[in-house]
Amino acid sequence: PDAKPNAIHRKMAEFVKAGKARVITQNVDGLHTKLDPSTIEFHGSLYRIYAPVDQKSANVDDYLKSMYRASDHAVLRPDITFYEEMPQHVQEAVETVSKADFLVIVGTSFQV
């Protein structure tokens, strides 16, 4: 939670602010979004917590203490894509990539 965006995150945000880029990230750490709220978080964020039973959001600090909501013991989970789940924002990502004149892929091993 205390991690800060690095030089690469900052440079990517500069391109976005200049209207020259759009960021789609598979990272769930929220570092891109701290600098660019328009980032497409393809696999979600560890810091958005909710109860699947009613979709109500919960506080990440509470989740770090217990995976159950205090008021009714509903199970909480981070808003991320787990294995075999459909990634988030697929259509938005596809549309963004299909409109791109130039595509840069950074920091992946392509192993998953």
N, C-alpha and C. Protein backbone atom coordinates (compact mmCIF):
# COMPACT_ATOMS: atom_id res chain seq x y z
N PRO A 1 0.80 -1.22 0.00
CA PRO A 1 0.00 0.00 0.00
C PRO A 1 0.83 1.28 0.00
N ASP A 2 2.06 1.19 0.49
CA ASP A 2 2.91 2.38 0.56
C ASP A 2 3.77 2.58 -0.69
N ALA A 3 3.66 1.67 -1.66
CA ALA A 3 4.47 1.77 -2.88
C ALA A 3 4.12 3.04 -3.64
N LYS A 4 5.13 3.62 -4.25
CA LYS A 4 4.97 4.85 -5.02
C LYS A 4 5.28 4.56 -6.49
N PRO A 5 4.63 5.28 -7.40
CA PRO A 5 4.96 5.13 -8.82
C PRO A 5 6.44 5.47 -9.07
N ASN A 6 7.05 4.75 -10.00
CA ASN A 6 8.46 4.97 -10.31
C ASN A 6 8.60 5.84 -11.58
N ALA A 7 9.81 5.97 -12.05
CA ALA A 7 10.09 6.82 -13.22
C ALA A 7 9.33 6.38 -14.46
N ILE A 8 9.16 5.09 -14.66
CA ILE A 8 8.42 4.59 -15.82
C ILE A 8 6.95 4.96 -15.71
N HIS A 9 6.37 4.78 -14.52
CA HIS A 9 4.97 5.19 -14.33
C HIS A 9 4.80 6.68 -14.62
N ARG A 10 5.73 7.49 -14.12
CA ARG A 10 5.66 8.94 -14.33
C ARG A 10 5.78 9.30 -15.81
N LYS A 11 6.70 8.65 -16.52
CA LYS A 11 6.89 8.94 -17.94
C LYS A 11 5.64 8.54 -18.74
N MET A 12 5.07 7.41 -18.42
CA MET A 12 3.85 6.99 -19.11
C MET A 12 2.72 7.99 -18.85
N ALA A 13 2.60 8.47 -17.62
CA ALA A 13 1.57 9.46 -17.29
C ALA A 13 1.80 10.76 -18.05
N GLU A 14 3.06 11.14 -18.26
CA GLU A 14 3.35 12.34 -19.05
C GLU A 14 2.82 12.20 -20.48
N PHE A 15 3.02 11.03 -21.08
CA PHE A 15 2.51 10.80 -22.44
C PHE A 15 0.98 10.88 -22.47
N VAL A 16 0.35 10.33 -21.44
CA VAL A 16 -1.12 10.39 -21.38
C VAL A 16 -1.58 11.84 -21.26
N LYS A 17 -0.96 12.60 -20.35
CA LYS A 17 -1.34 14.00 -20.15
C LYS A 17 -1.12 14.84 -21.41
N ALA A 18 -0.14 14.46 -22.21
CA ALA A 18 0.14 15.17 -23.46
C ALA A 18 -0.79 14.73 -24.59
N GLY A 19 -1.67 13.78 -24.29
CA GLY A 19 -2.60 13.29 -25.30
C GLY A 19 -1.97 12.36 -26.31
N LYS A 20 -0.83 11.77 -25.97
CA LYS A 20 -0.10 10.91 -26.90
C LYS A 20 -0.19 9.43 -26.56
N ALA A 21 -0.91 9.07 -25.48
CA ALA A 21 -0.93 7.67 -25.07
C ALA A 21 -2.18 7.37 -24.26
N ARG A 22 -2.43 6.09 -24.13
CA ARG A 22 -3.45 5.55 -23.24
C ARG A 22 -2.81 4.33 -22.61
N VAL A 23 -2.97 4.16 -21.30
CA VAL A 23 -2.34 3.04 -20.60
C VAL A 23 -3.38 1.97 -20.28
N ILE A 24 -3.03 0.75 -20.63
CA ILE A 24 -3.79 -0.44 -20.22
C ILE A 24 -2.81 -1.27 -19.41
N THR A 25 -3.16 -1.55 -18.17
CA THR A 25 -2.23 -2.31 -17.32
C THR A 25 -2.85 -3.61 -16.85
N GLN A 26 -2.01 -4.63 -16.75
CA GLN A 26 -2.41 -5.88 -16.14
C GLN A 26 -2.05 -5.89 -14.65
N ASN A 27 -1.27 -4.90 -14.23
CA ASN A 27 -0.89 -4.82 -12.83
C ASN A 27 -2.10 -4.50 -11.97
N VAL A 28 -2.13 -5.03 -10.77
CA VAL A 28 -3.24 -4.80 -9.85
C VAL A 28 -2.83 -3.93 -8.67
N ASP A 29 -1.66 -3.30 -8.77
CA ASP A 29 -1.11 -2.53 -7.65
C ASP A 29 -1.56 -1.08 -7.61
N GLY A 30 -2.26 -0.60 -8.63
CA GLY A 30 -2.78 0.76 -8.64
C GLY A 30 -1.77 1.86 -8.89
N LEU A 31 -0.53 1.52 -9.19
CA LEU A 31 0.50 2.55 -9.35
C LEU A 31 0.28 3.41 -10.59
N HIS A 32 -0.16 2.81 -11.68
CA HIS A 32 -0.46 3.61 -12.88
C HIS A 32 -1.63 4.55 -12.60
N THR A 33 -2.63 4.05 -11.92
CA THR A 33 -3.85 4.81 -11.67
C THR A 33 -3.61 5.98 -10.72
N LYS A 34 -2.61 5.86 -9.85
CA LYS A 34 -2.28 6.99 -8.96
C LYS A 34 -1.90 8.22 -9.76
N LEU A 35 -1.27 8.02 -10.91
CA LEU A 35 -0.84 9.14 -11.76
C LEU A 35 -1.81 9.42 -12.90
N ASP A 36 -2.57 8.42 -13.31
CA ASP A 36 -3.48 8.57 -14.45
C ASP A 36 -4.77 7.81 -14.17
N PRO A 37 -5.78 8.51 -13.64
CA PRO A 37 -7.04 7.84 -13.33
C PRO A 37 -7.74 7.21 -14.54
N SER A 38 -7.36 7.60 -15.75
CA SER A 38 -8.00 7.02 -16.94
C SER A 38 -7.38 5.68 -17.34
N THR A 39 -6.38 5.22 -16.61
CA THR A 39 -5.75 3.93 -16.89
C THR A 39 -6.80 2.82 -16.90
N ILE A 40 -6.72 1.96 -17.88
CA ILE A 40 -7.59 0.78 -17.92
C ILE A 40 -6.91 -0.31 -17.10
N GLU A 41 -7.50 -0.66 -15.98
CA GLU A 41 -6.94 -1.70 -15.12
C GLU A 41 -7.56 -3.04 -15.53
N PHE A 42 -6.91 -3.69 -16.47
CA PHE A 42 -7.42 -4.90 -17.11
C PHE A 42 -7.73 -6.01 -16.12
N HIS A 43 -6.92 -6.13 -15.09
CA HIS A 43 -7.13 -7.16 -14.09
C HIS A 43 -7.61 -6.60 -12.76
N GLY A 44 -8.05 -5.35 -12.74
CA GLY A 44 -8.62 -4.77 -11.53
C GLY A 44 -7.58 -4.16 -10.61
N SER A 45 -7.98 -4.03 -9.35
CA SER A 45 -7.11 -3.40 -8.34
C SER A 45 -7.24 -4.11 -7.00
N LEU A 46 -6.11 -4.33 -6.38
CA LEU A 46 -6.09 -4.91 -5.04
C LEU A 46 -6.72 -4.00 -3.99
N TYR A 47 -6.84 -2.73 -4.30
CA TYR A 47 -7.27 -1.75 -3.29
C TYR A 47 -8.75 -1.42 -3.38
N ARG A 48 -9.48 -2.01 -4.33
CA ARG A 48 -10.93 -1.92 -4.34
C ARG A 48 -11.45 -3.23 -3.78
N ILE A 49 -12.11 -3.16 -2.66
CA ILE A 49 -12.60 -4.35 -1.96
C ILE A 49 -14.13 -4.32 -1.98
N TYR A 50 -14.73 -5.49 -2.15
CA TYR A 50 -16.18 -5.55 -2.14
C TYR A 50 -16.65 -6.92 -1.65
N ALA A 51 -17.95 -6.99 -1.33
CA ALA A 51 -18.58 -8.26 -0.95
C ALA A 51 -19.36 -8.77 -2.15
N PRO A 52 -18.99 -9.90 -2.72
CA PRO A 52 -19.70 -10.42 -3.89
C PRO A 52 -21.20 -10.63 -3.66
N VAL A 53 -21.60 -10.92 -2.44
CA VAL A 53 -23.00 -11.20 -2.15
C VAL A 53 -23.92 -10.01 -2.45
N ASP A 54 -23.42 -8.78 -2.25
CA ASP A 54 -24.27 -7.60 -2.49
C ASP A 54 -23.55 -6.49 -3.25
N GLN A 55 -22.31 -6.73 -3.66
CA GLN A 55 -21.49 -5.79 -4.43
C GLN A 55 -21.14 -4.51 -3.68
N LYS A 56 -21.38 -4.45 -2.38
CA LYS A 56 -21.06 -3.25 -1.60
C LYS A 56 -19.55 -3.18 -1.36
N SER A 57 -19.00 -1.98 -1.50
CA SER A 57 -17.57 -1.81 -1.31
C SER A 57 -17.21 -1.85 0.18
N ALA A 58 -15.96 -2.15 0.42
CA ALA A 58 -15.44 -2.21 1.79
C ALA A 58 -14.07 -1.53 1.81
N ASN A 59 -13.62 -1.23 2.98
CA ASN A 59 -12.35 -0.55 3.19
C ASN A 59 -11.20 -1.55 3.12
N VAL A 60 -10.14 -1.21 2.39
CA VAL A 60 -9.00 -2.12 2.24
C VAL A 60 -8.34 -2.40 3.59
N ASP A 61 -8.29 -1.42 4.47
CA ASP A 61 -7.68 -1.65 5.79
C ASP A 61 -8.46 -2.68 6.60
N ASP A 62 -9.79 -2.62 6.49
CA ASP A 62 -10.62 -3.63 7.16
C ASP A 62 -10.37 -5.01 6.57
N TYR A 63 -10.25 -5.07 5.24
CA TYR A 63 -10.00 -6.35 4.56
C TYR A 63 -8.65 -6.95 4.98
N LEU A 64 -7.65 -6.10 5.17
CA LEU A 64 -6.34 -6.60 5.58
C LEU A 64 -6.38 -7.20 6.99
N LYS A 65 -7.37 -6.81 7.78
CA LYS A 65 -7.54 -7.38 9.12
C LYS A 65 -8.37 -8.66 9.09
N SER A 66 -9.35 -8.71 8.19
CA SER A 66 -10.24 -9.87 8.10
C SER A 66 -10.87 -9.93 6.72
N MET A 67 -11.04 -11.12 6.18
CA MET A 67 -11.68 -11.25 4.88
C MET A 67 -13.20 -11.28 4.99
N TYR A 68 -13.72 -10.99 6.20
CA TYR A 68 -15.16 -10.96 6.43
C TYR A 68 -15.60 -9.57 6.85
N ARG A 69 -16.73 -9.11 6.32
CA ARG A 69 -17.28 -7.82 6.71
C ARG A 69 -17.76 -7.90 8.15
N ALA A 70 -17.41 -6.93 8.96
CA ALA A 70 -17.73 -6.95 10.39
C ALA A 70 -19.23 -6.98 10.66
N SER A 71 -20.01 -6.26 9.87
CA SER A 71 -21.44 -6.13 10.17
C SER A 71 -22.24 -7.42 9.98
N ASP A 72 -21.89 -8.23 8.99
CA ASP A 72 -22.69 -9.44 8.71
C ASP A 72 -21.85 -10.66 8.34
N HIS A 73 -20.56 -10.54 8.41
CA HIS A 73 -19.62 -11.63 8.12
C HIS A 73 -19.63 -12.07 6.65
N ALA A 74 -20.11 -11.20 5.76
CA ALA A 74 -20.04 -11.51 4.33
C ALA A 74 -18.58 -11.58 3.91
N VAL A 75 -18.27 -12.50 3.02
CA VAL A 75 -16.91 -12.65 2.52
C VAL A 75 -16.57 -11.43 1.66
N LEU A 76 -15.37 -10.92 1.85
CA LEU A 76 -14.86 -9.80 1.06
C LEU A 76 -13.79 -10.29 0.10
N ARG A 77 -13.62 -9.58 -0.99
CA ARG A 77 -12.54 -9.93 -1.92
C ARG A 77 -12.06 -8.68 -2.63
N PRO A 78 -10.81 -8.70 -3.09
CA PRO A 78 -10.32 -7.58 -3.90
C PRO A 78 -10.95 -7.65 -5.29
N ASP A 79 -11.10 -6.51 -5.91
CA ASP A 79 -11.69 -6.40 -7.24
C ASP A 79 -10.62 -6.68 -8.29
N ILE A 80 -10.15 -7.93 -8.30
CA ILE A 80 -9.13 -8.37 -9.26
C ILE A 80 -9.61 -9.61 -9.99
N THR A 81 -8.98 -9.89 -11.11
CA THR A 81 -9.29 -11.08 -11.88
C THR A 81 -8.48 -12.24 -11.34
N PHE A 82 -9.18 -13.27 -10.91
CA PHE A 82 -8.51 -14.50 -10.49
C PHE A 82 -8.44 -15.43 -11.69
N TYR A 83 -7.61 -16.48 -11.60
CA TYR A 83 -7.49 -17.44 -12.69
C TYR A 83 -8.87 -17.98 -13.05
N GLU A 84 -9.10 -18.14 -14.34
CA GLU A 84 -10.32 -18.64 -14.94
C GLU A 84 -11.48 -17.65 -14.90
N GLU A 85 -11.26 -16.43 -14.40
CA GLU A 85 -12.28 -15.39 -14.47
C GLU A 85 -12.01 -14.53 -15.70
N MET A 86 -13.04 -13.90 -16.21
CA MET A 86 -12.90 -13.01 -17.35
C MET A 86 -12.25 -11.70 -16.88
N PRO A 87 -11.20 -11.25 -17.54
CA PRO A 87 -10.60 -9.96 -17.17
C PRO A 87 -11.62 -8.83 -17.29
N GLN A 88 -11.34 -7.77 -16.58
CA GLN A 88 -12.23 -6.62 -16.58
C GLN A 88 -11.93 -5.71 -17.77
N HIS A 89 -12.91 -4.96 -18.20
CA HIS A 89 -12.73 -3.93 -19.21
C HIS A 89 -12.18 -4.46 -20.53
N VAL A 90 -12.53 -5.68 -20.89
CA VAL A 90 -12.01 -6.28 -22.12
C VAL A 90 -12.41 -5.45 -23.33
N GLN A 91 -13.67 -5.10 -23.44
CA GLN A 91 -14.14 -4.36 -24.62
C GLN A 91 -13.45 -3.00 -24.72
N GLU A 92 -13.32 -2.30 -23.60
CA GLU A 92 -12.65 -0.99 -23.62
C GLU A 92 -11.19 -1.13 -24.05
N ALA A 93 -10.53 -2.17 -23.56
CA ALA A 93 -9.13 -2.40 -23.94
C ALA A 93 -9.01 -2.73 -25.43
N VAL A 94 -9.90 -3.58 -25.93
CA VAL A 94 -9.88 -3.95 -27.35
C VAL A 94 -10.10 -2.72 -28.22
N GLU A 95 -11.08 -1.89 -27.85
CA GLU A 95 -11.34 -0.68 -28.62
C GLU A 95 -10.15 0.27 -28.60
N THR A 96 -9.53 0.41 -27.44
CA THR A 96 -8.36 1.30 -27.31
C THR A 96 -7.21 0.81 -28.18
N VAL A 97 -6.91 -0.46 -28.11
CA VAL A 97 -5.81 -1.03 -28.91
C VAL A 97 -6.12 -0.95 -30.40
N SER A 98 -7.36 -1.20 -30.78
CA SER A 98 -7.71 -1.18 -32.20
C SER A 98 -7.60 0.22 -32.81
N LYS A 99 -7.66 1.25 -31.98
CA LYS A 99 -7.54 2.63 -32.47
C LYS A 99 -6.10 3.14 -32.45
N ALA A 100 -5.21 2.37 -31.88
CA ALA A 100 -3.83 2.82 -31.70
C ALA A 100 -3.07 2.88 -33.02
N ASP A 101 -2.26 3.91 -33.17
CA ASP A 101 -1.34 4.02 -34.30
C ASP A 101 -0.03 3.29 -34.01
N PHE A 102 0.27 3.17 -32.73
CA PHE A 102 1.53 2.60 -32.29
C PHE A 102 1.27 1.92 -30.95
N LEU A 103 1.82 0.74 -30.76
CA LEU A 103 1.58 -0.03 -29.54
C LEU A 103 2.91 -0.38 -28.89
N VAL A 104 3.04 -0.06 -27.62
CA VAL A 104 4.24 -0.38 -26.86
C VAL A 104 3.83 -1.31 -25.73
N ILE A 105 4.48 -2.46 -25.64
CA ILE A 105 4.20 -3.42 -24.58
C ILE A 105 5.42 -3.41 -23.66
N VAL A 106 5.17 -3.13 -22.38
CA VAL A 106 6.26 -2.95 -21.43
C VAL A 106 6.14 -3.94 -20.28
N GLY A 107 7.24 -4.54 -19.91
CA GLY A 107 7.35 -5.29 -18.66
C GLY A 107 6.54 -6.56 -18.57
N THR A 108 6.50 -7.37 -19.60
CA THR A 108 5.80 -8.64 -19.51
C THR A 108 6.72 -9.77 -19.97
N SER A 109 6.51 -10.92 -19.37
CA SER A 109 7.27 -12.10 -19.79
C SER A 109 6.47 -12.95 -20.78
N PHE A 110 5.17 -12.65 -20.92
CA PHE A 110 4.26 -13.44 -21.76
C PHE A 110 4.26 -14.91 -21.33
N GLN A 111 4.45 -15.17 -20.04
CA GLN A 111 4.50 -16.54 -19.54
C GLN A 111 3.19 -17.06 -18.99
N VAL A 112 2.23 -16.18 -18.71
CA VAL A 112 0.95 -16.65 -18.12
C VAL A 112 -0.05 -16.85 -19.22
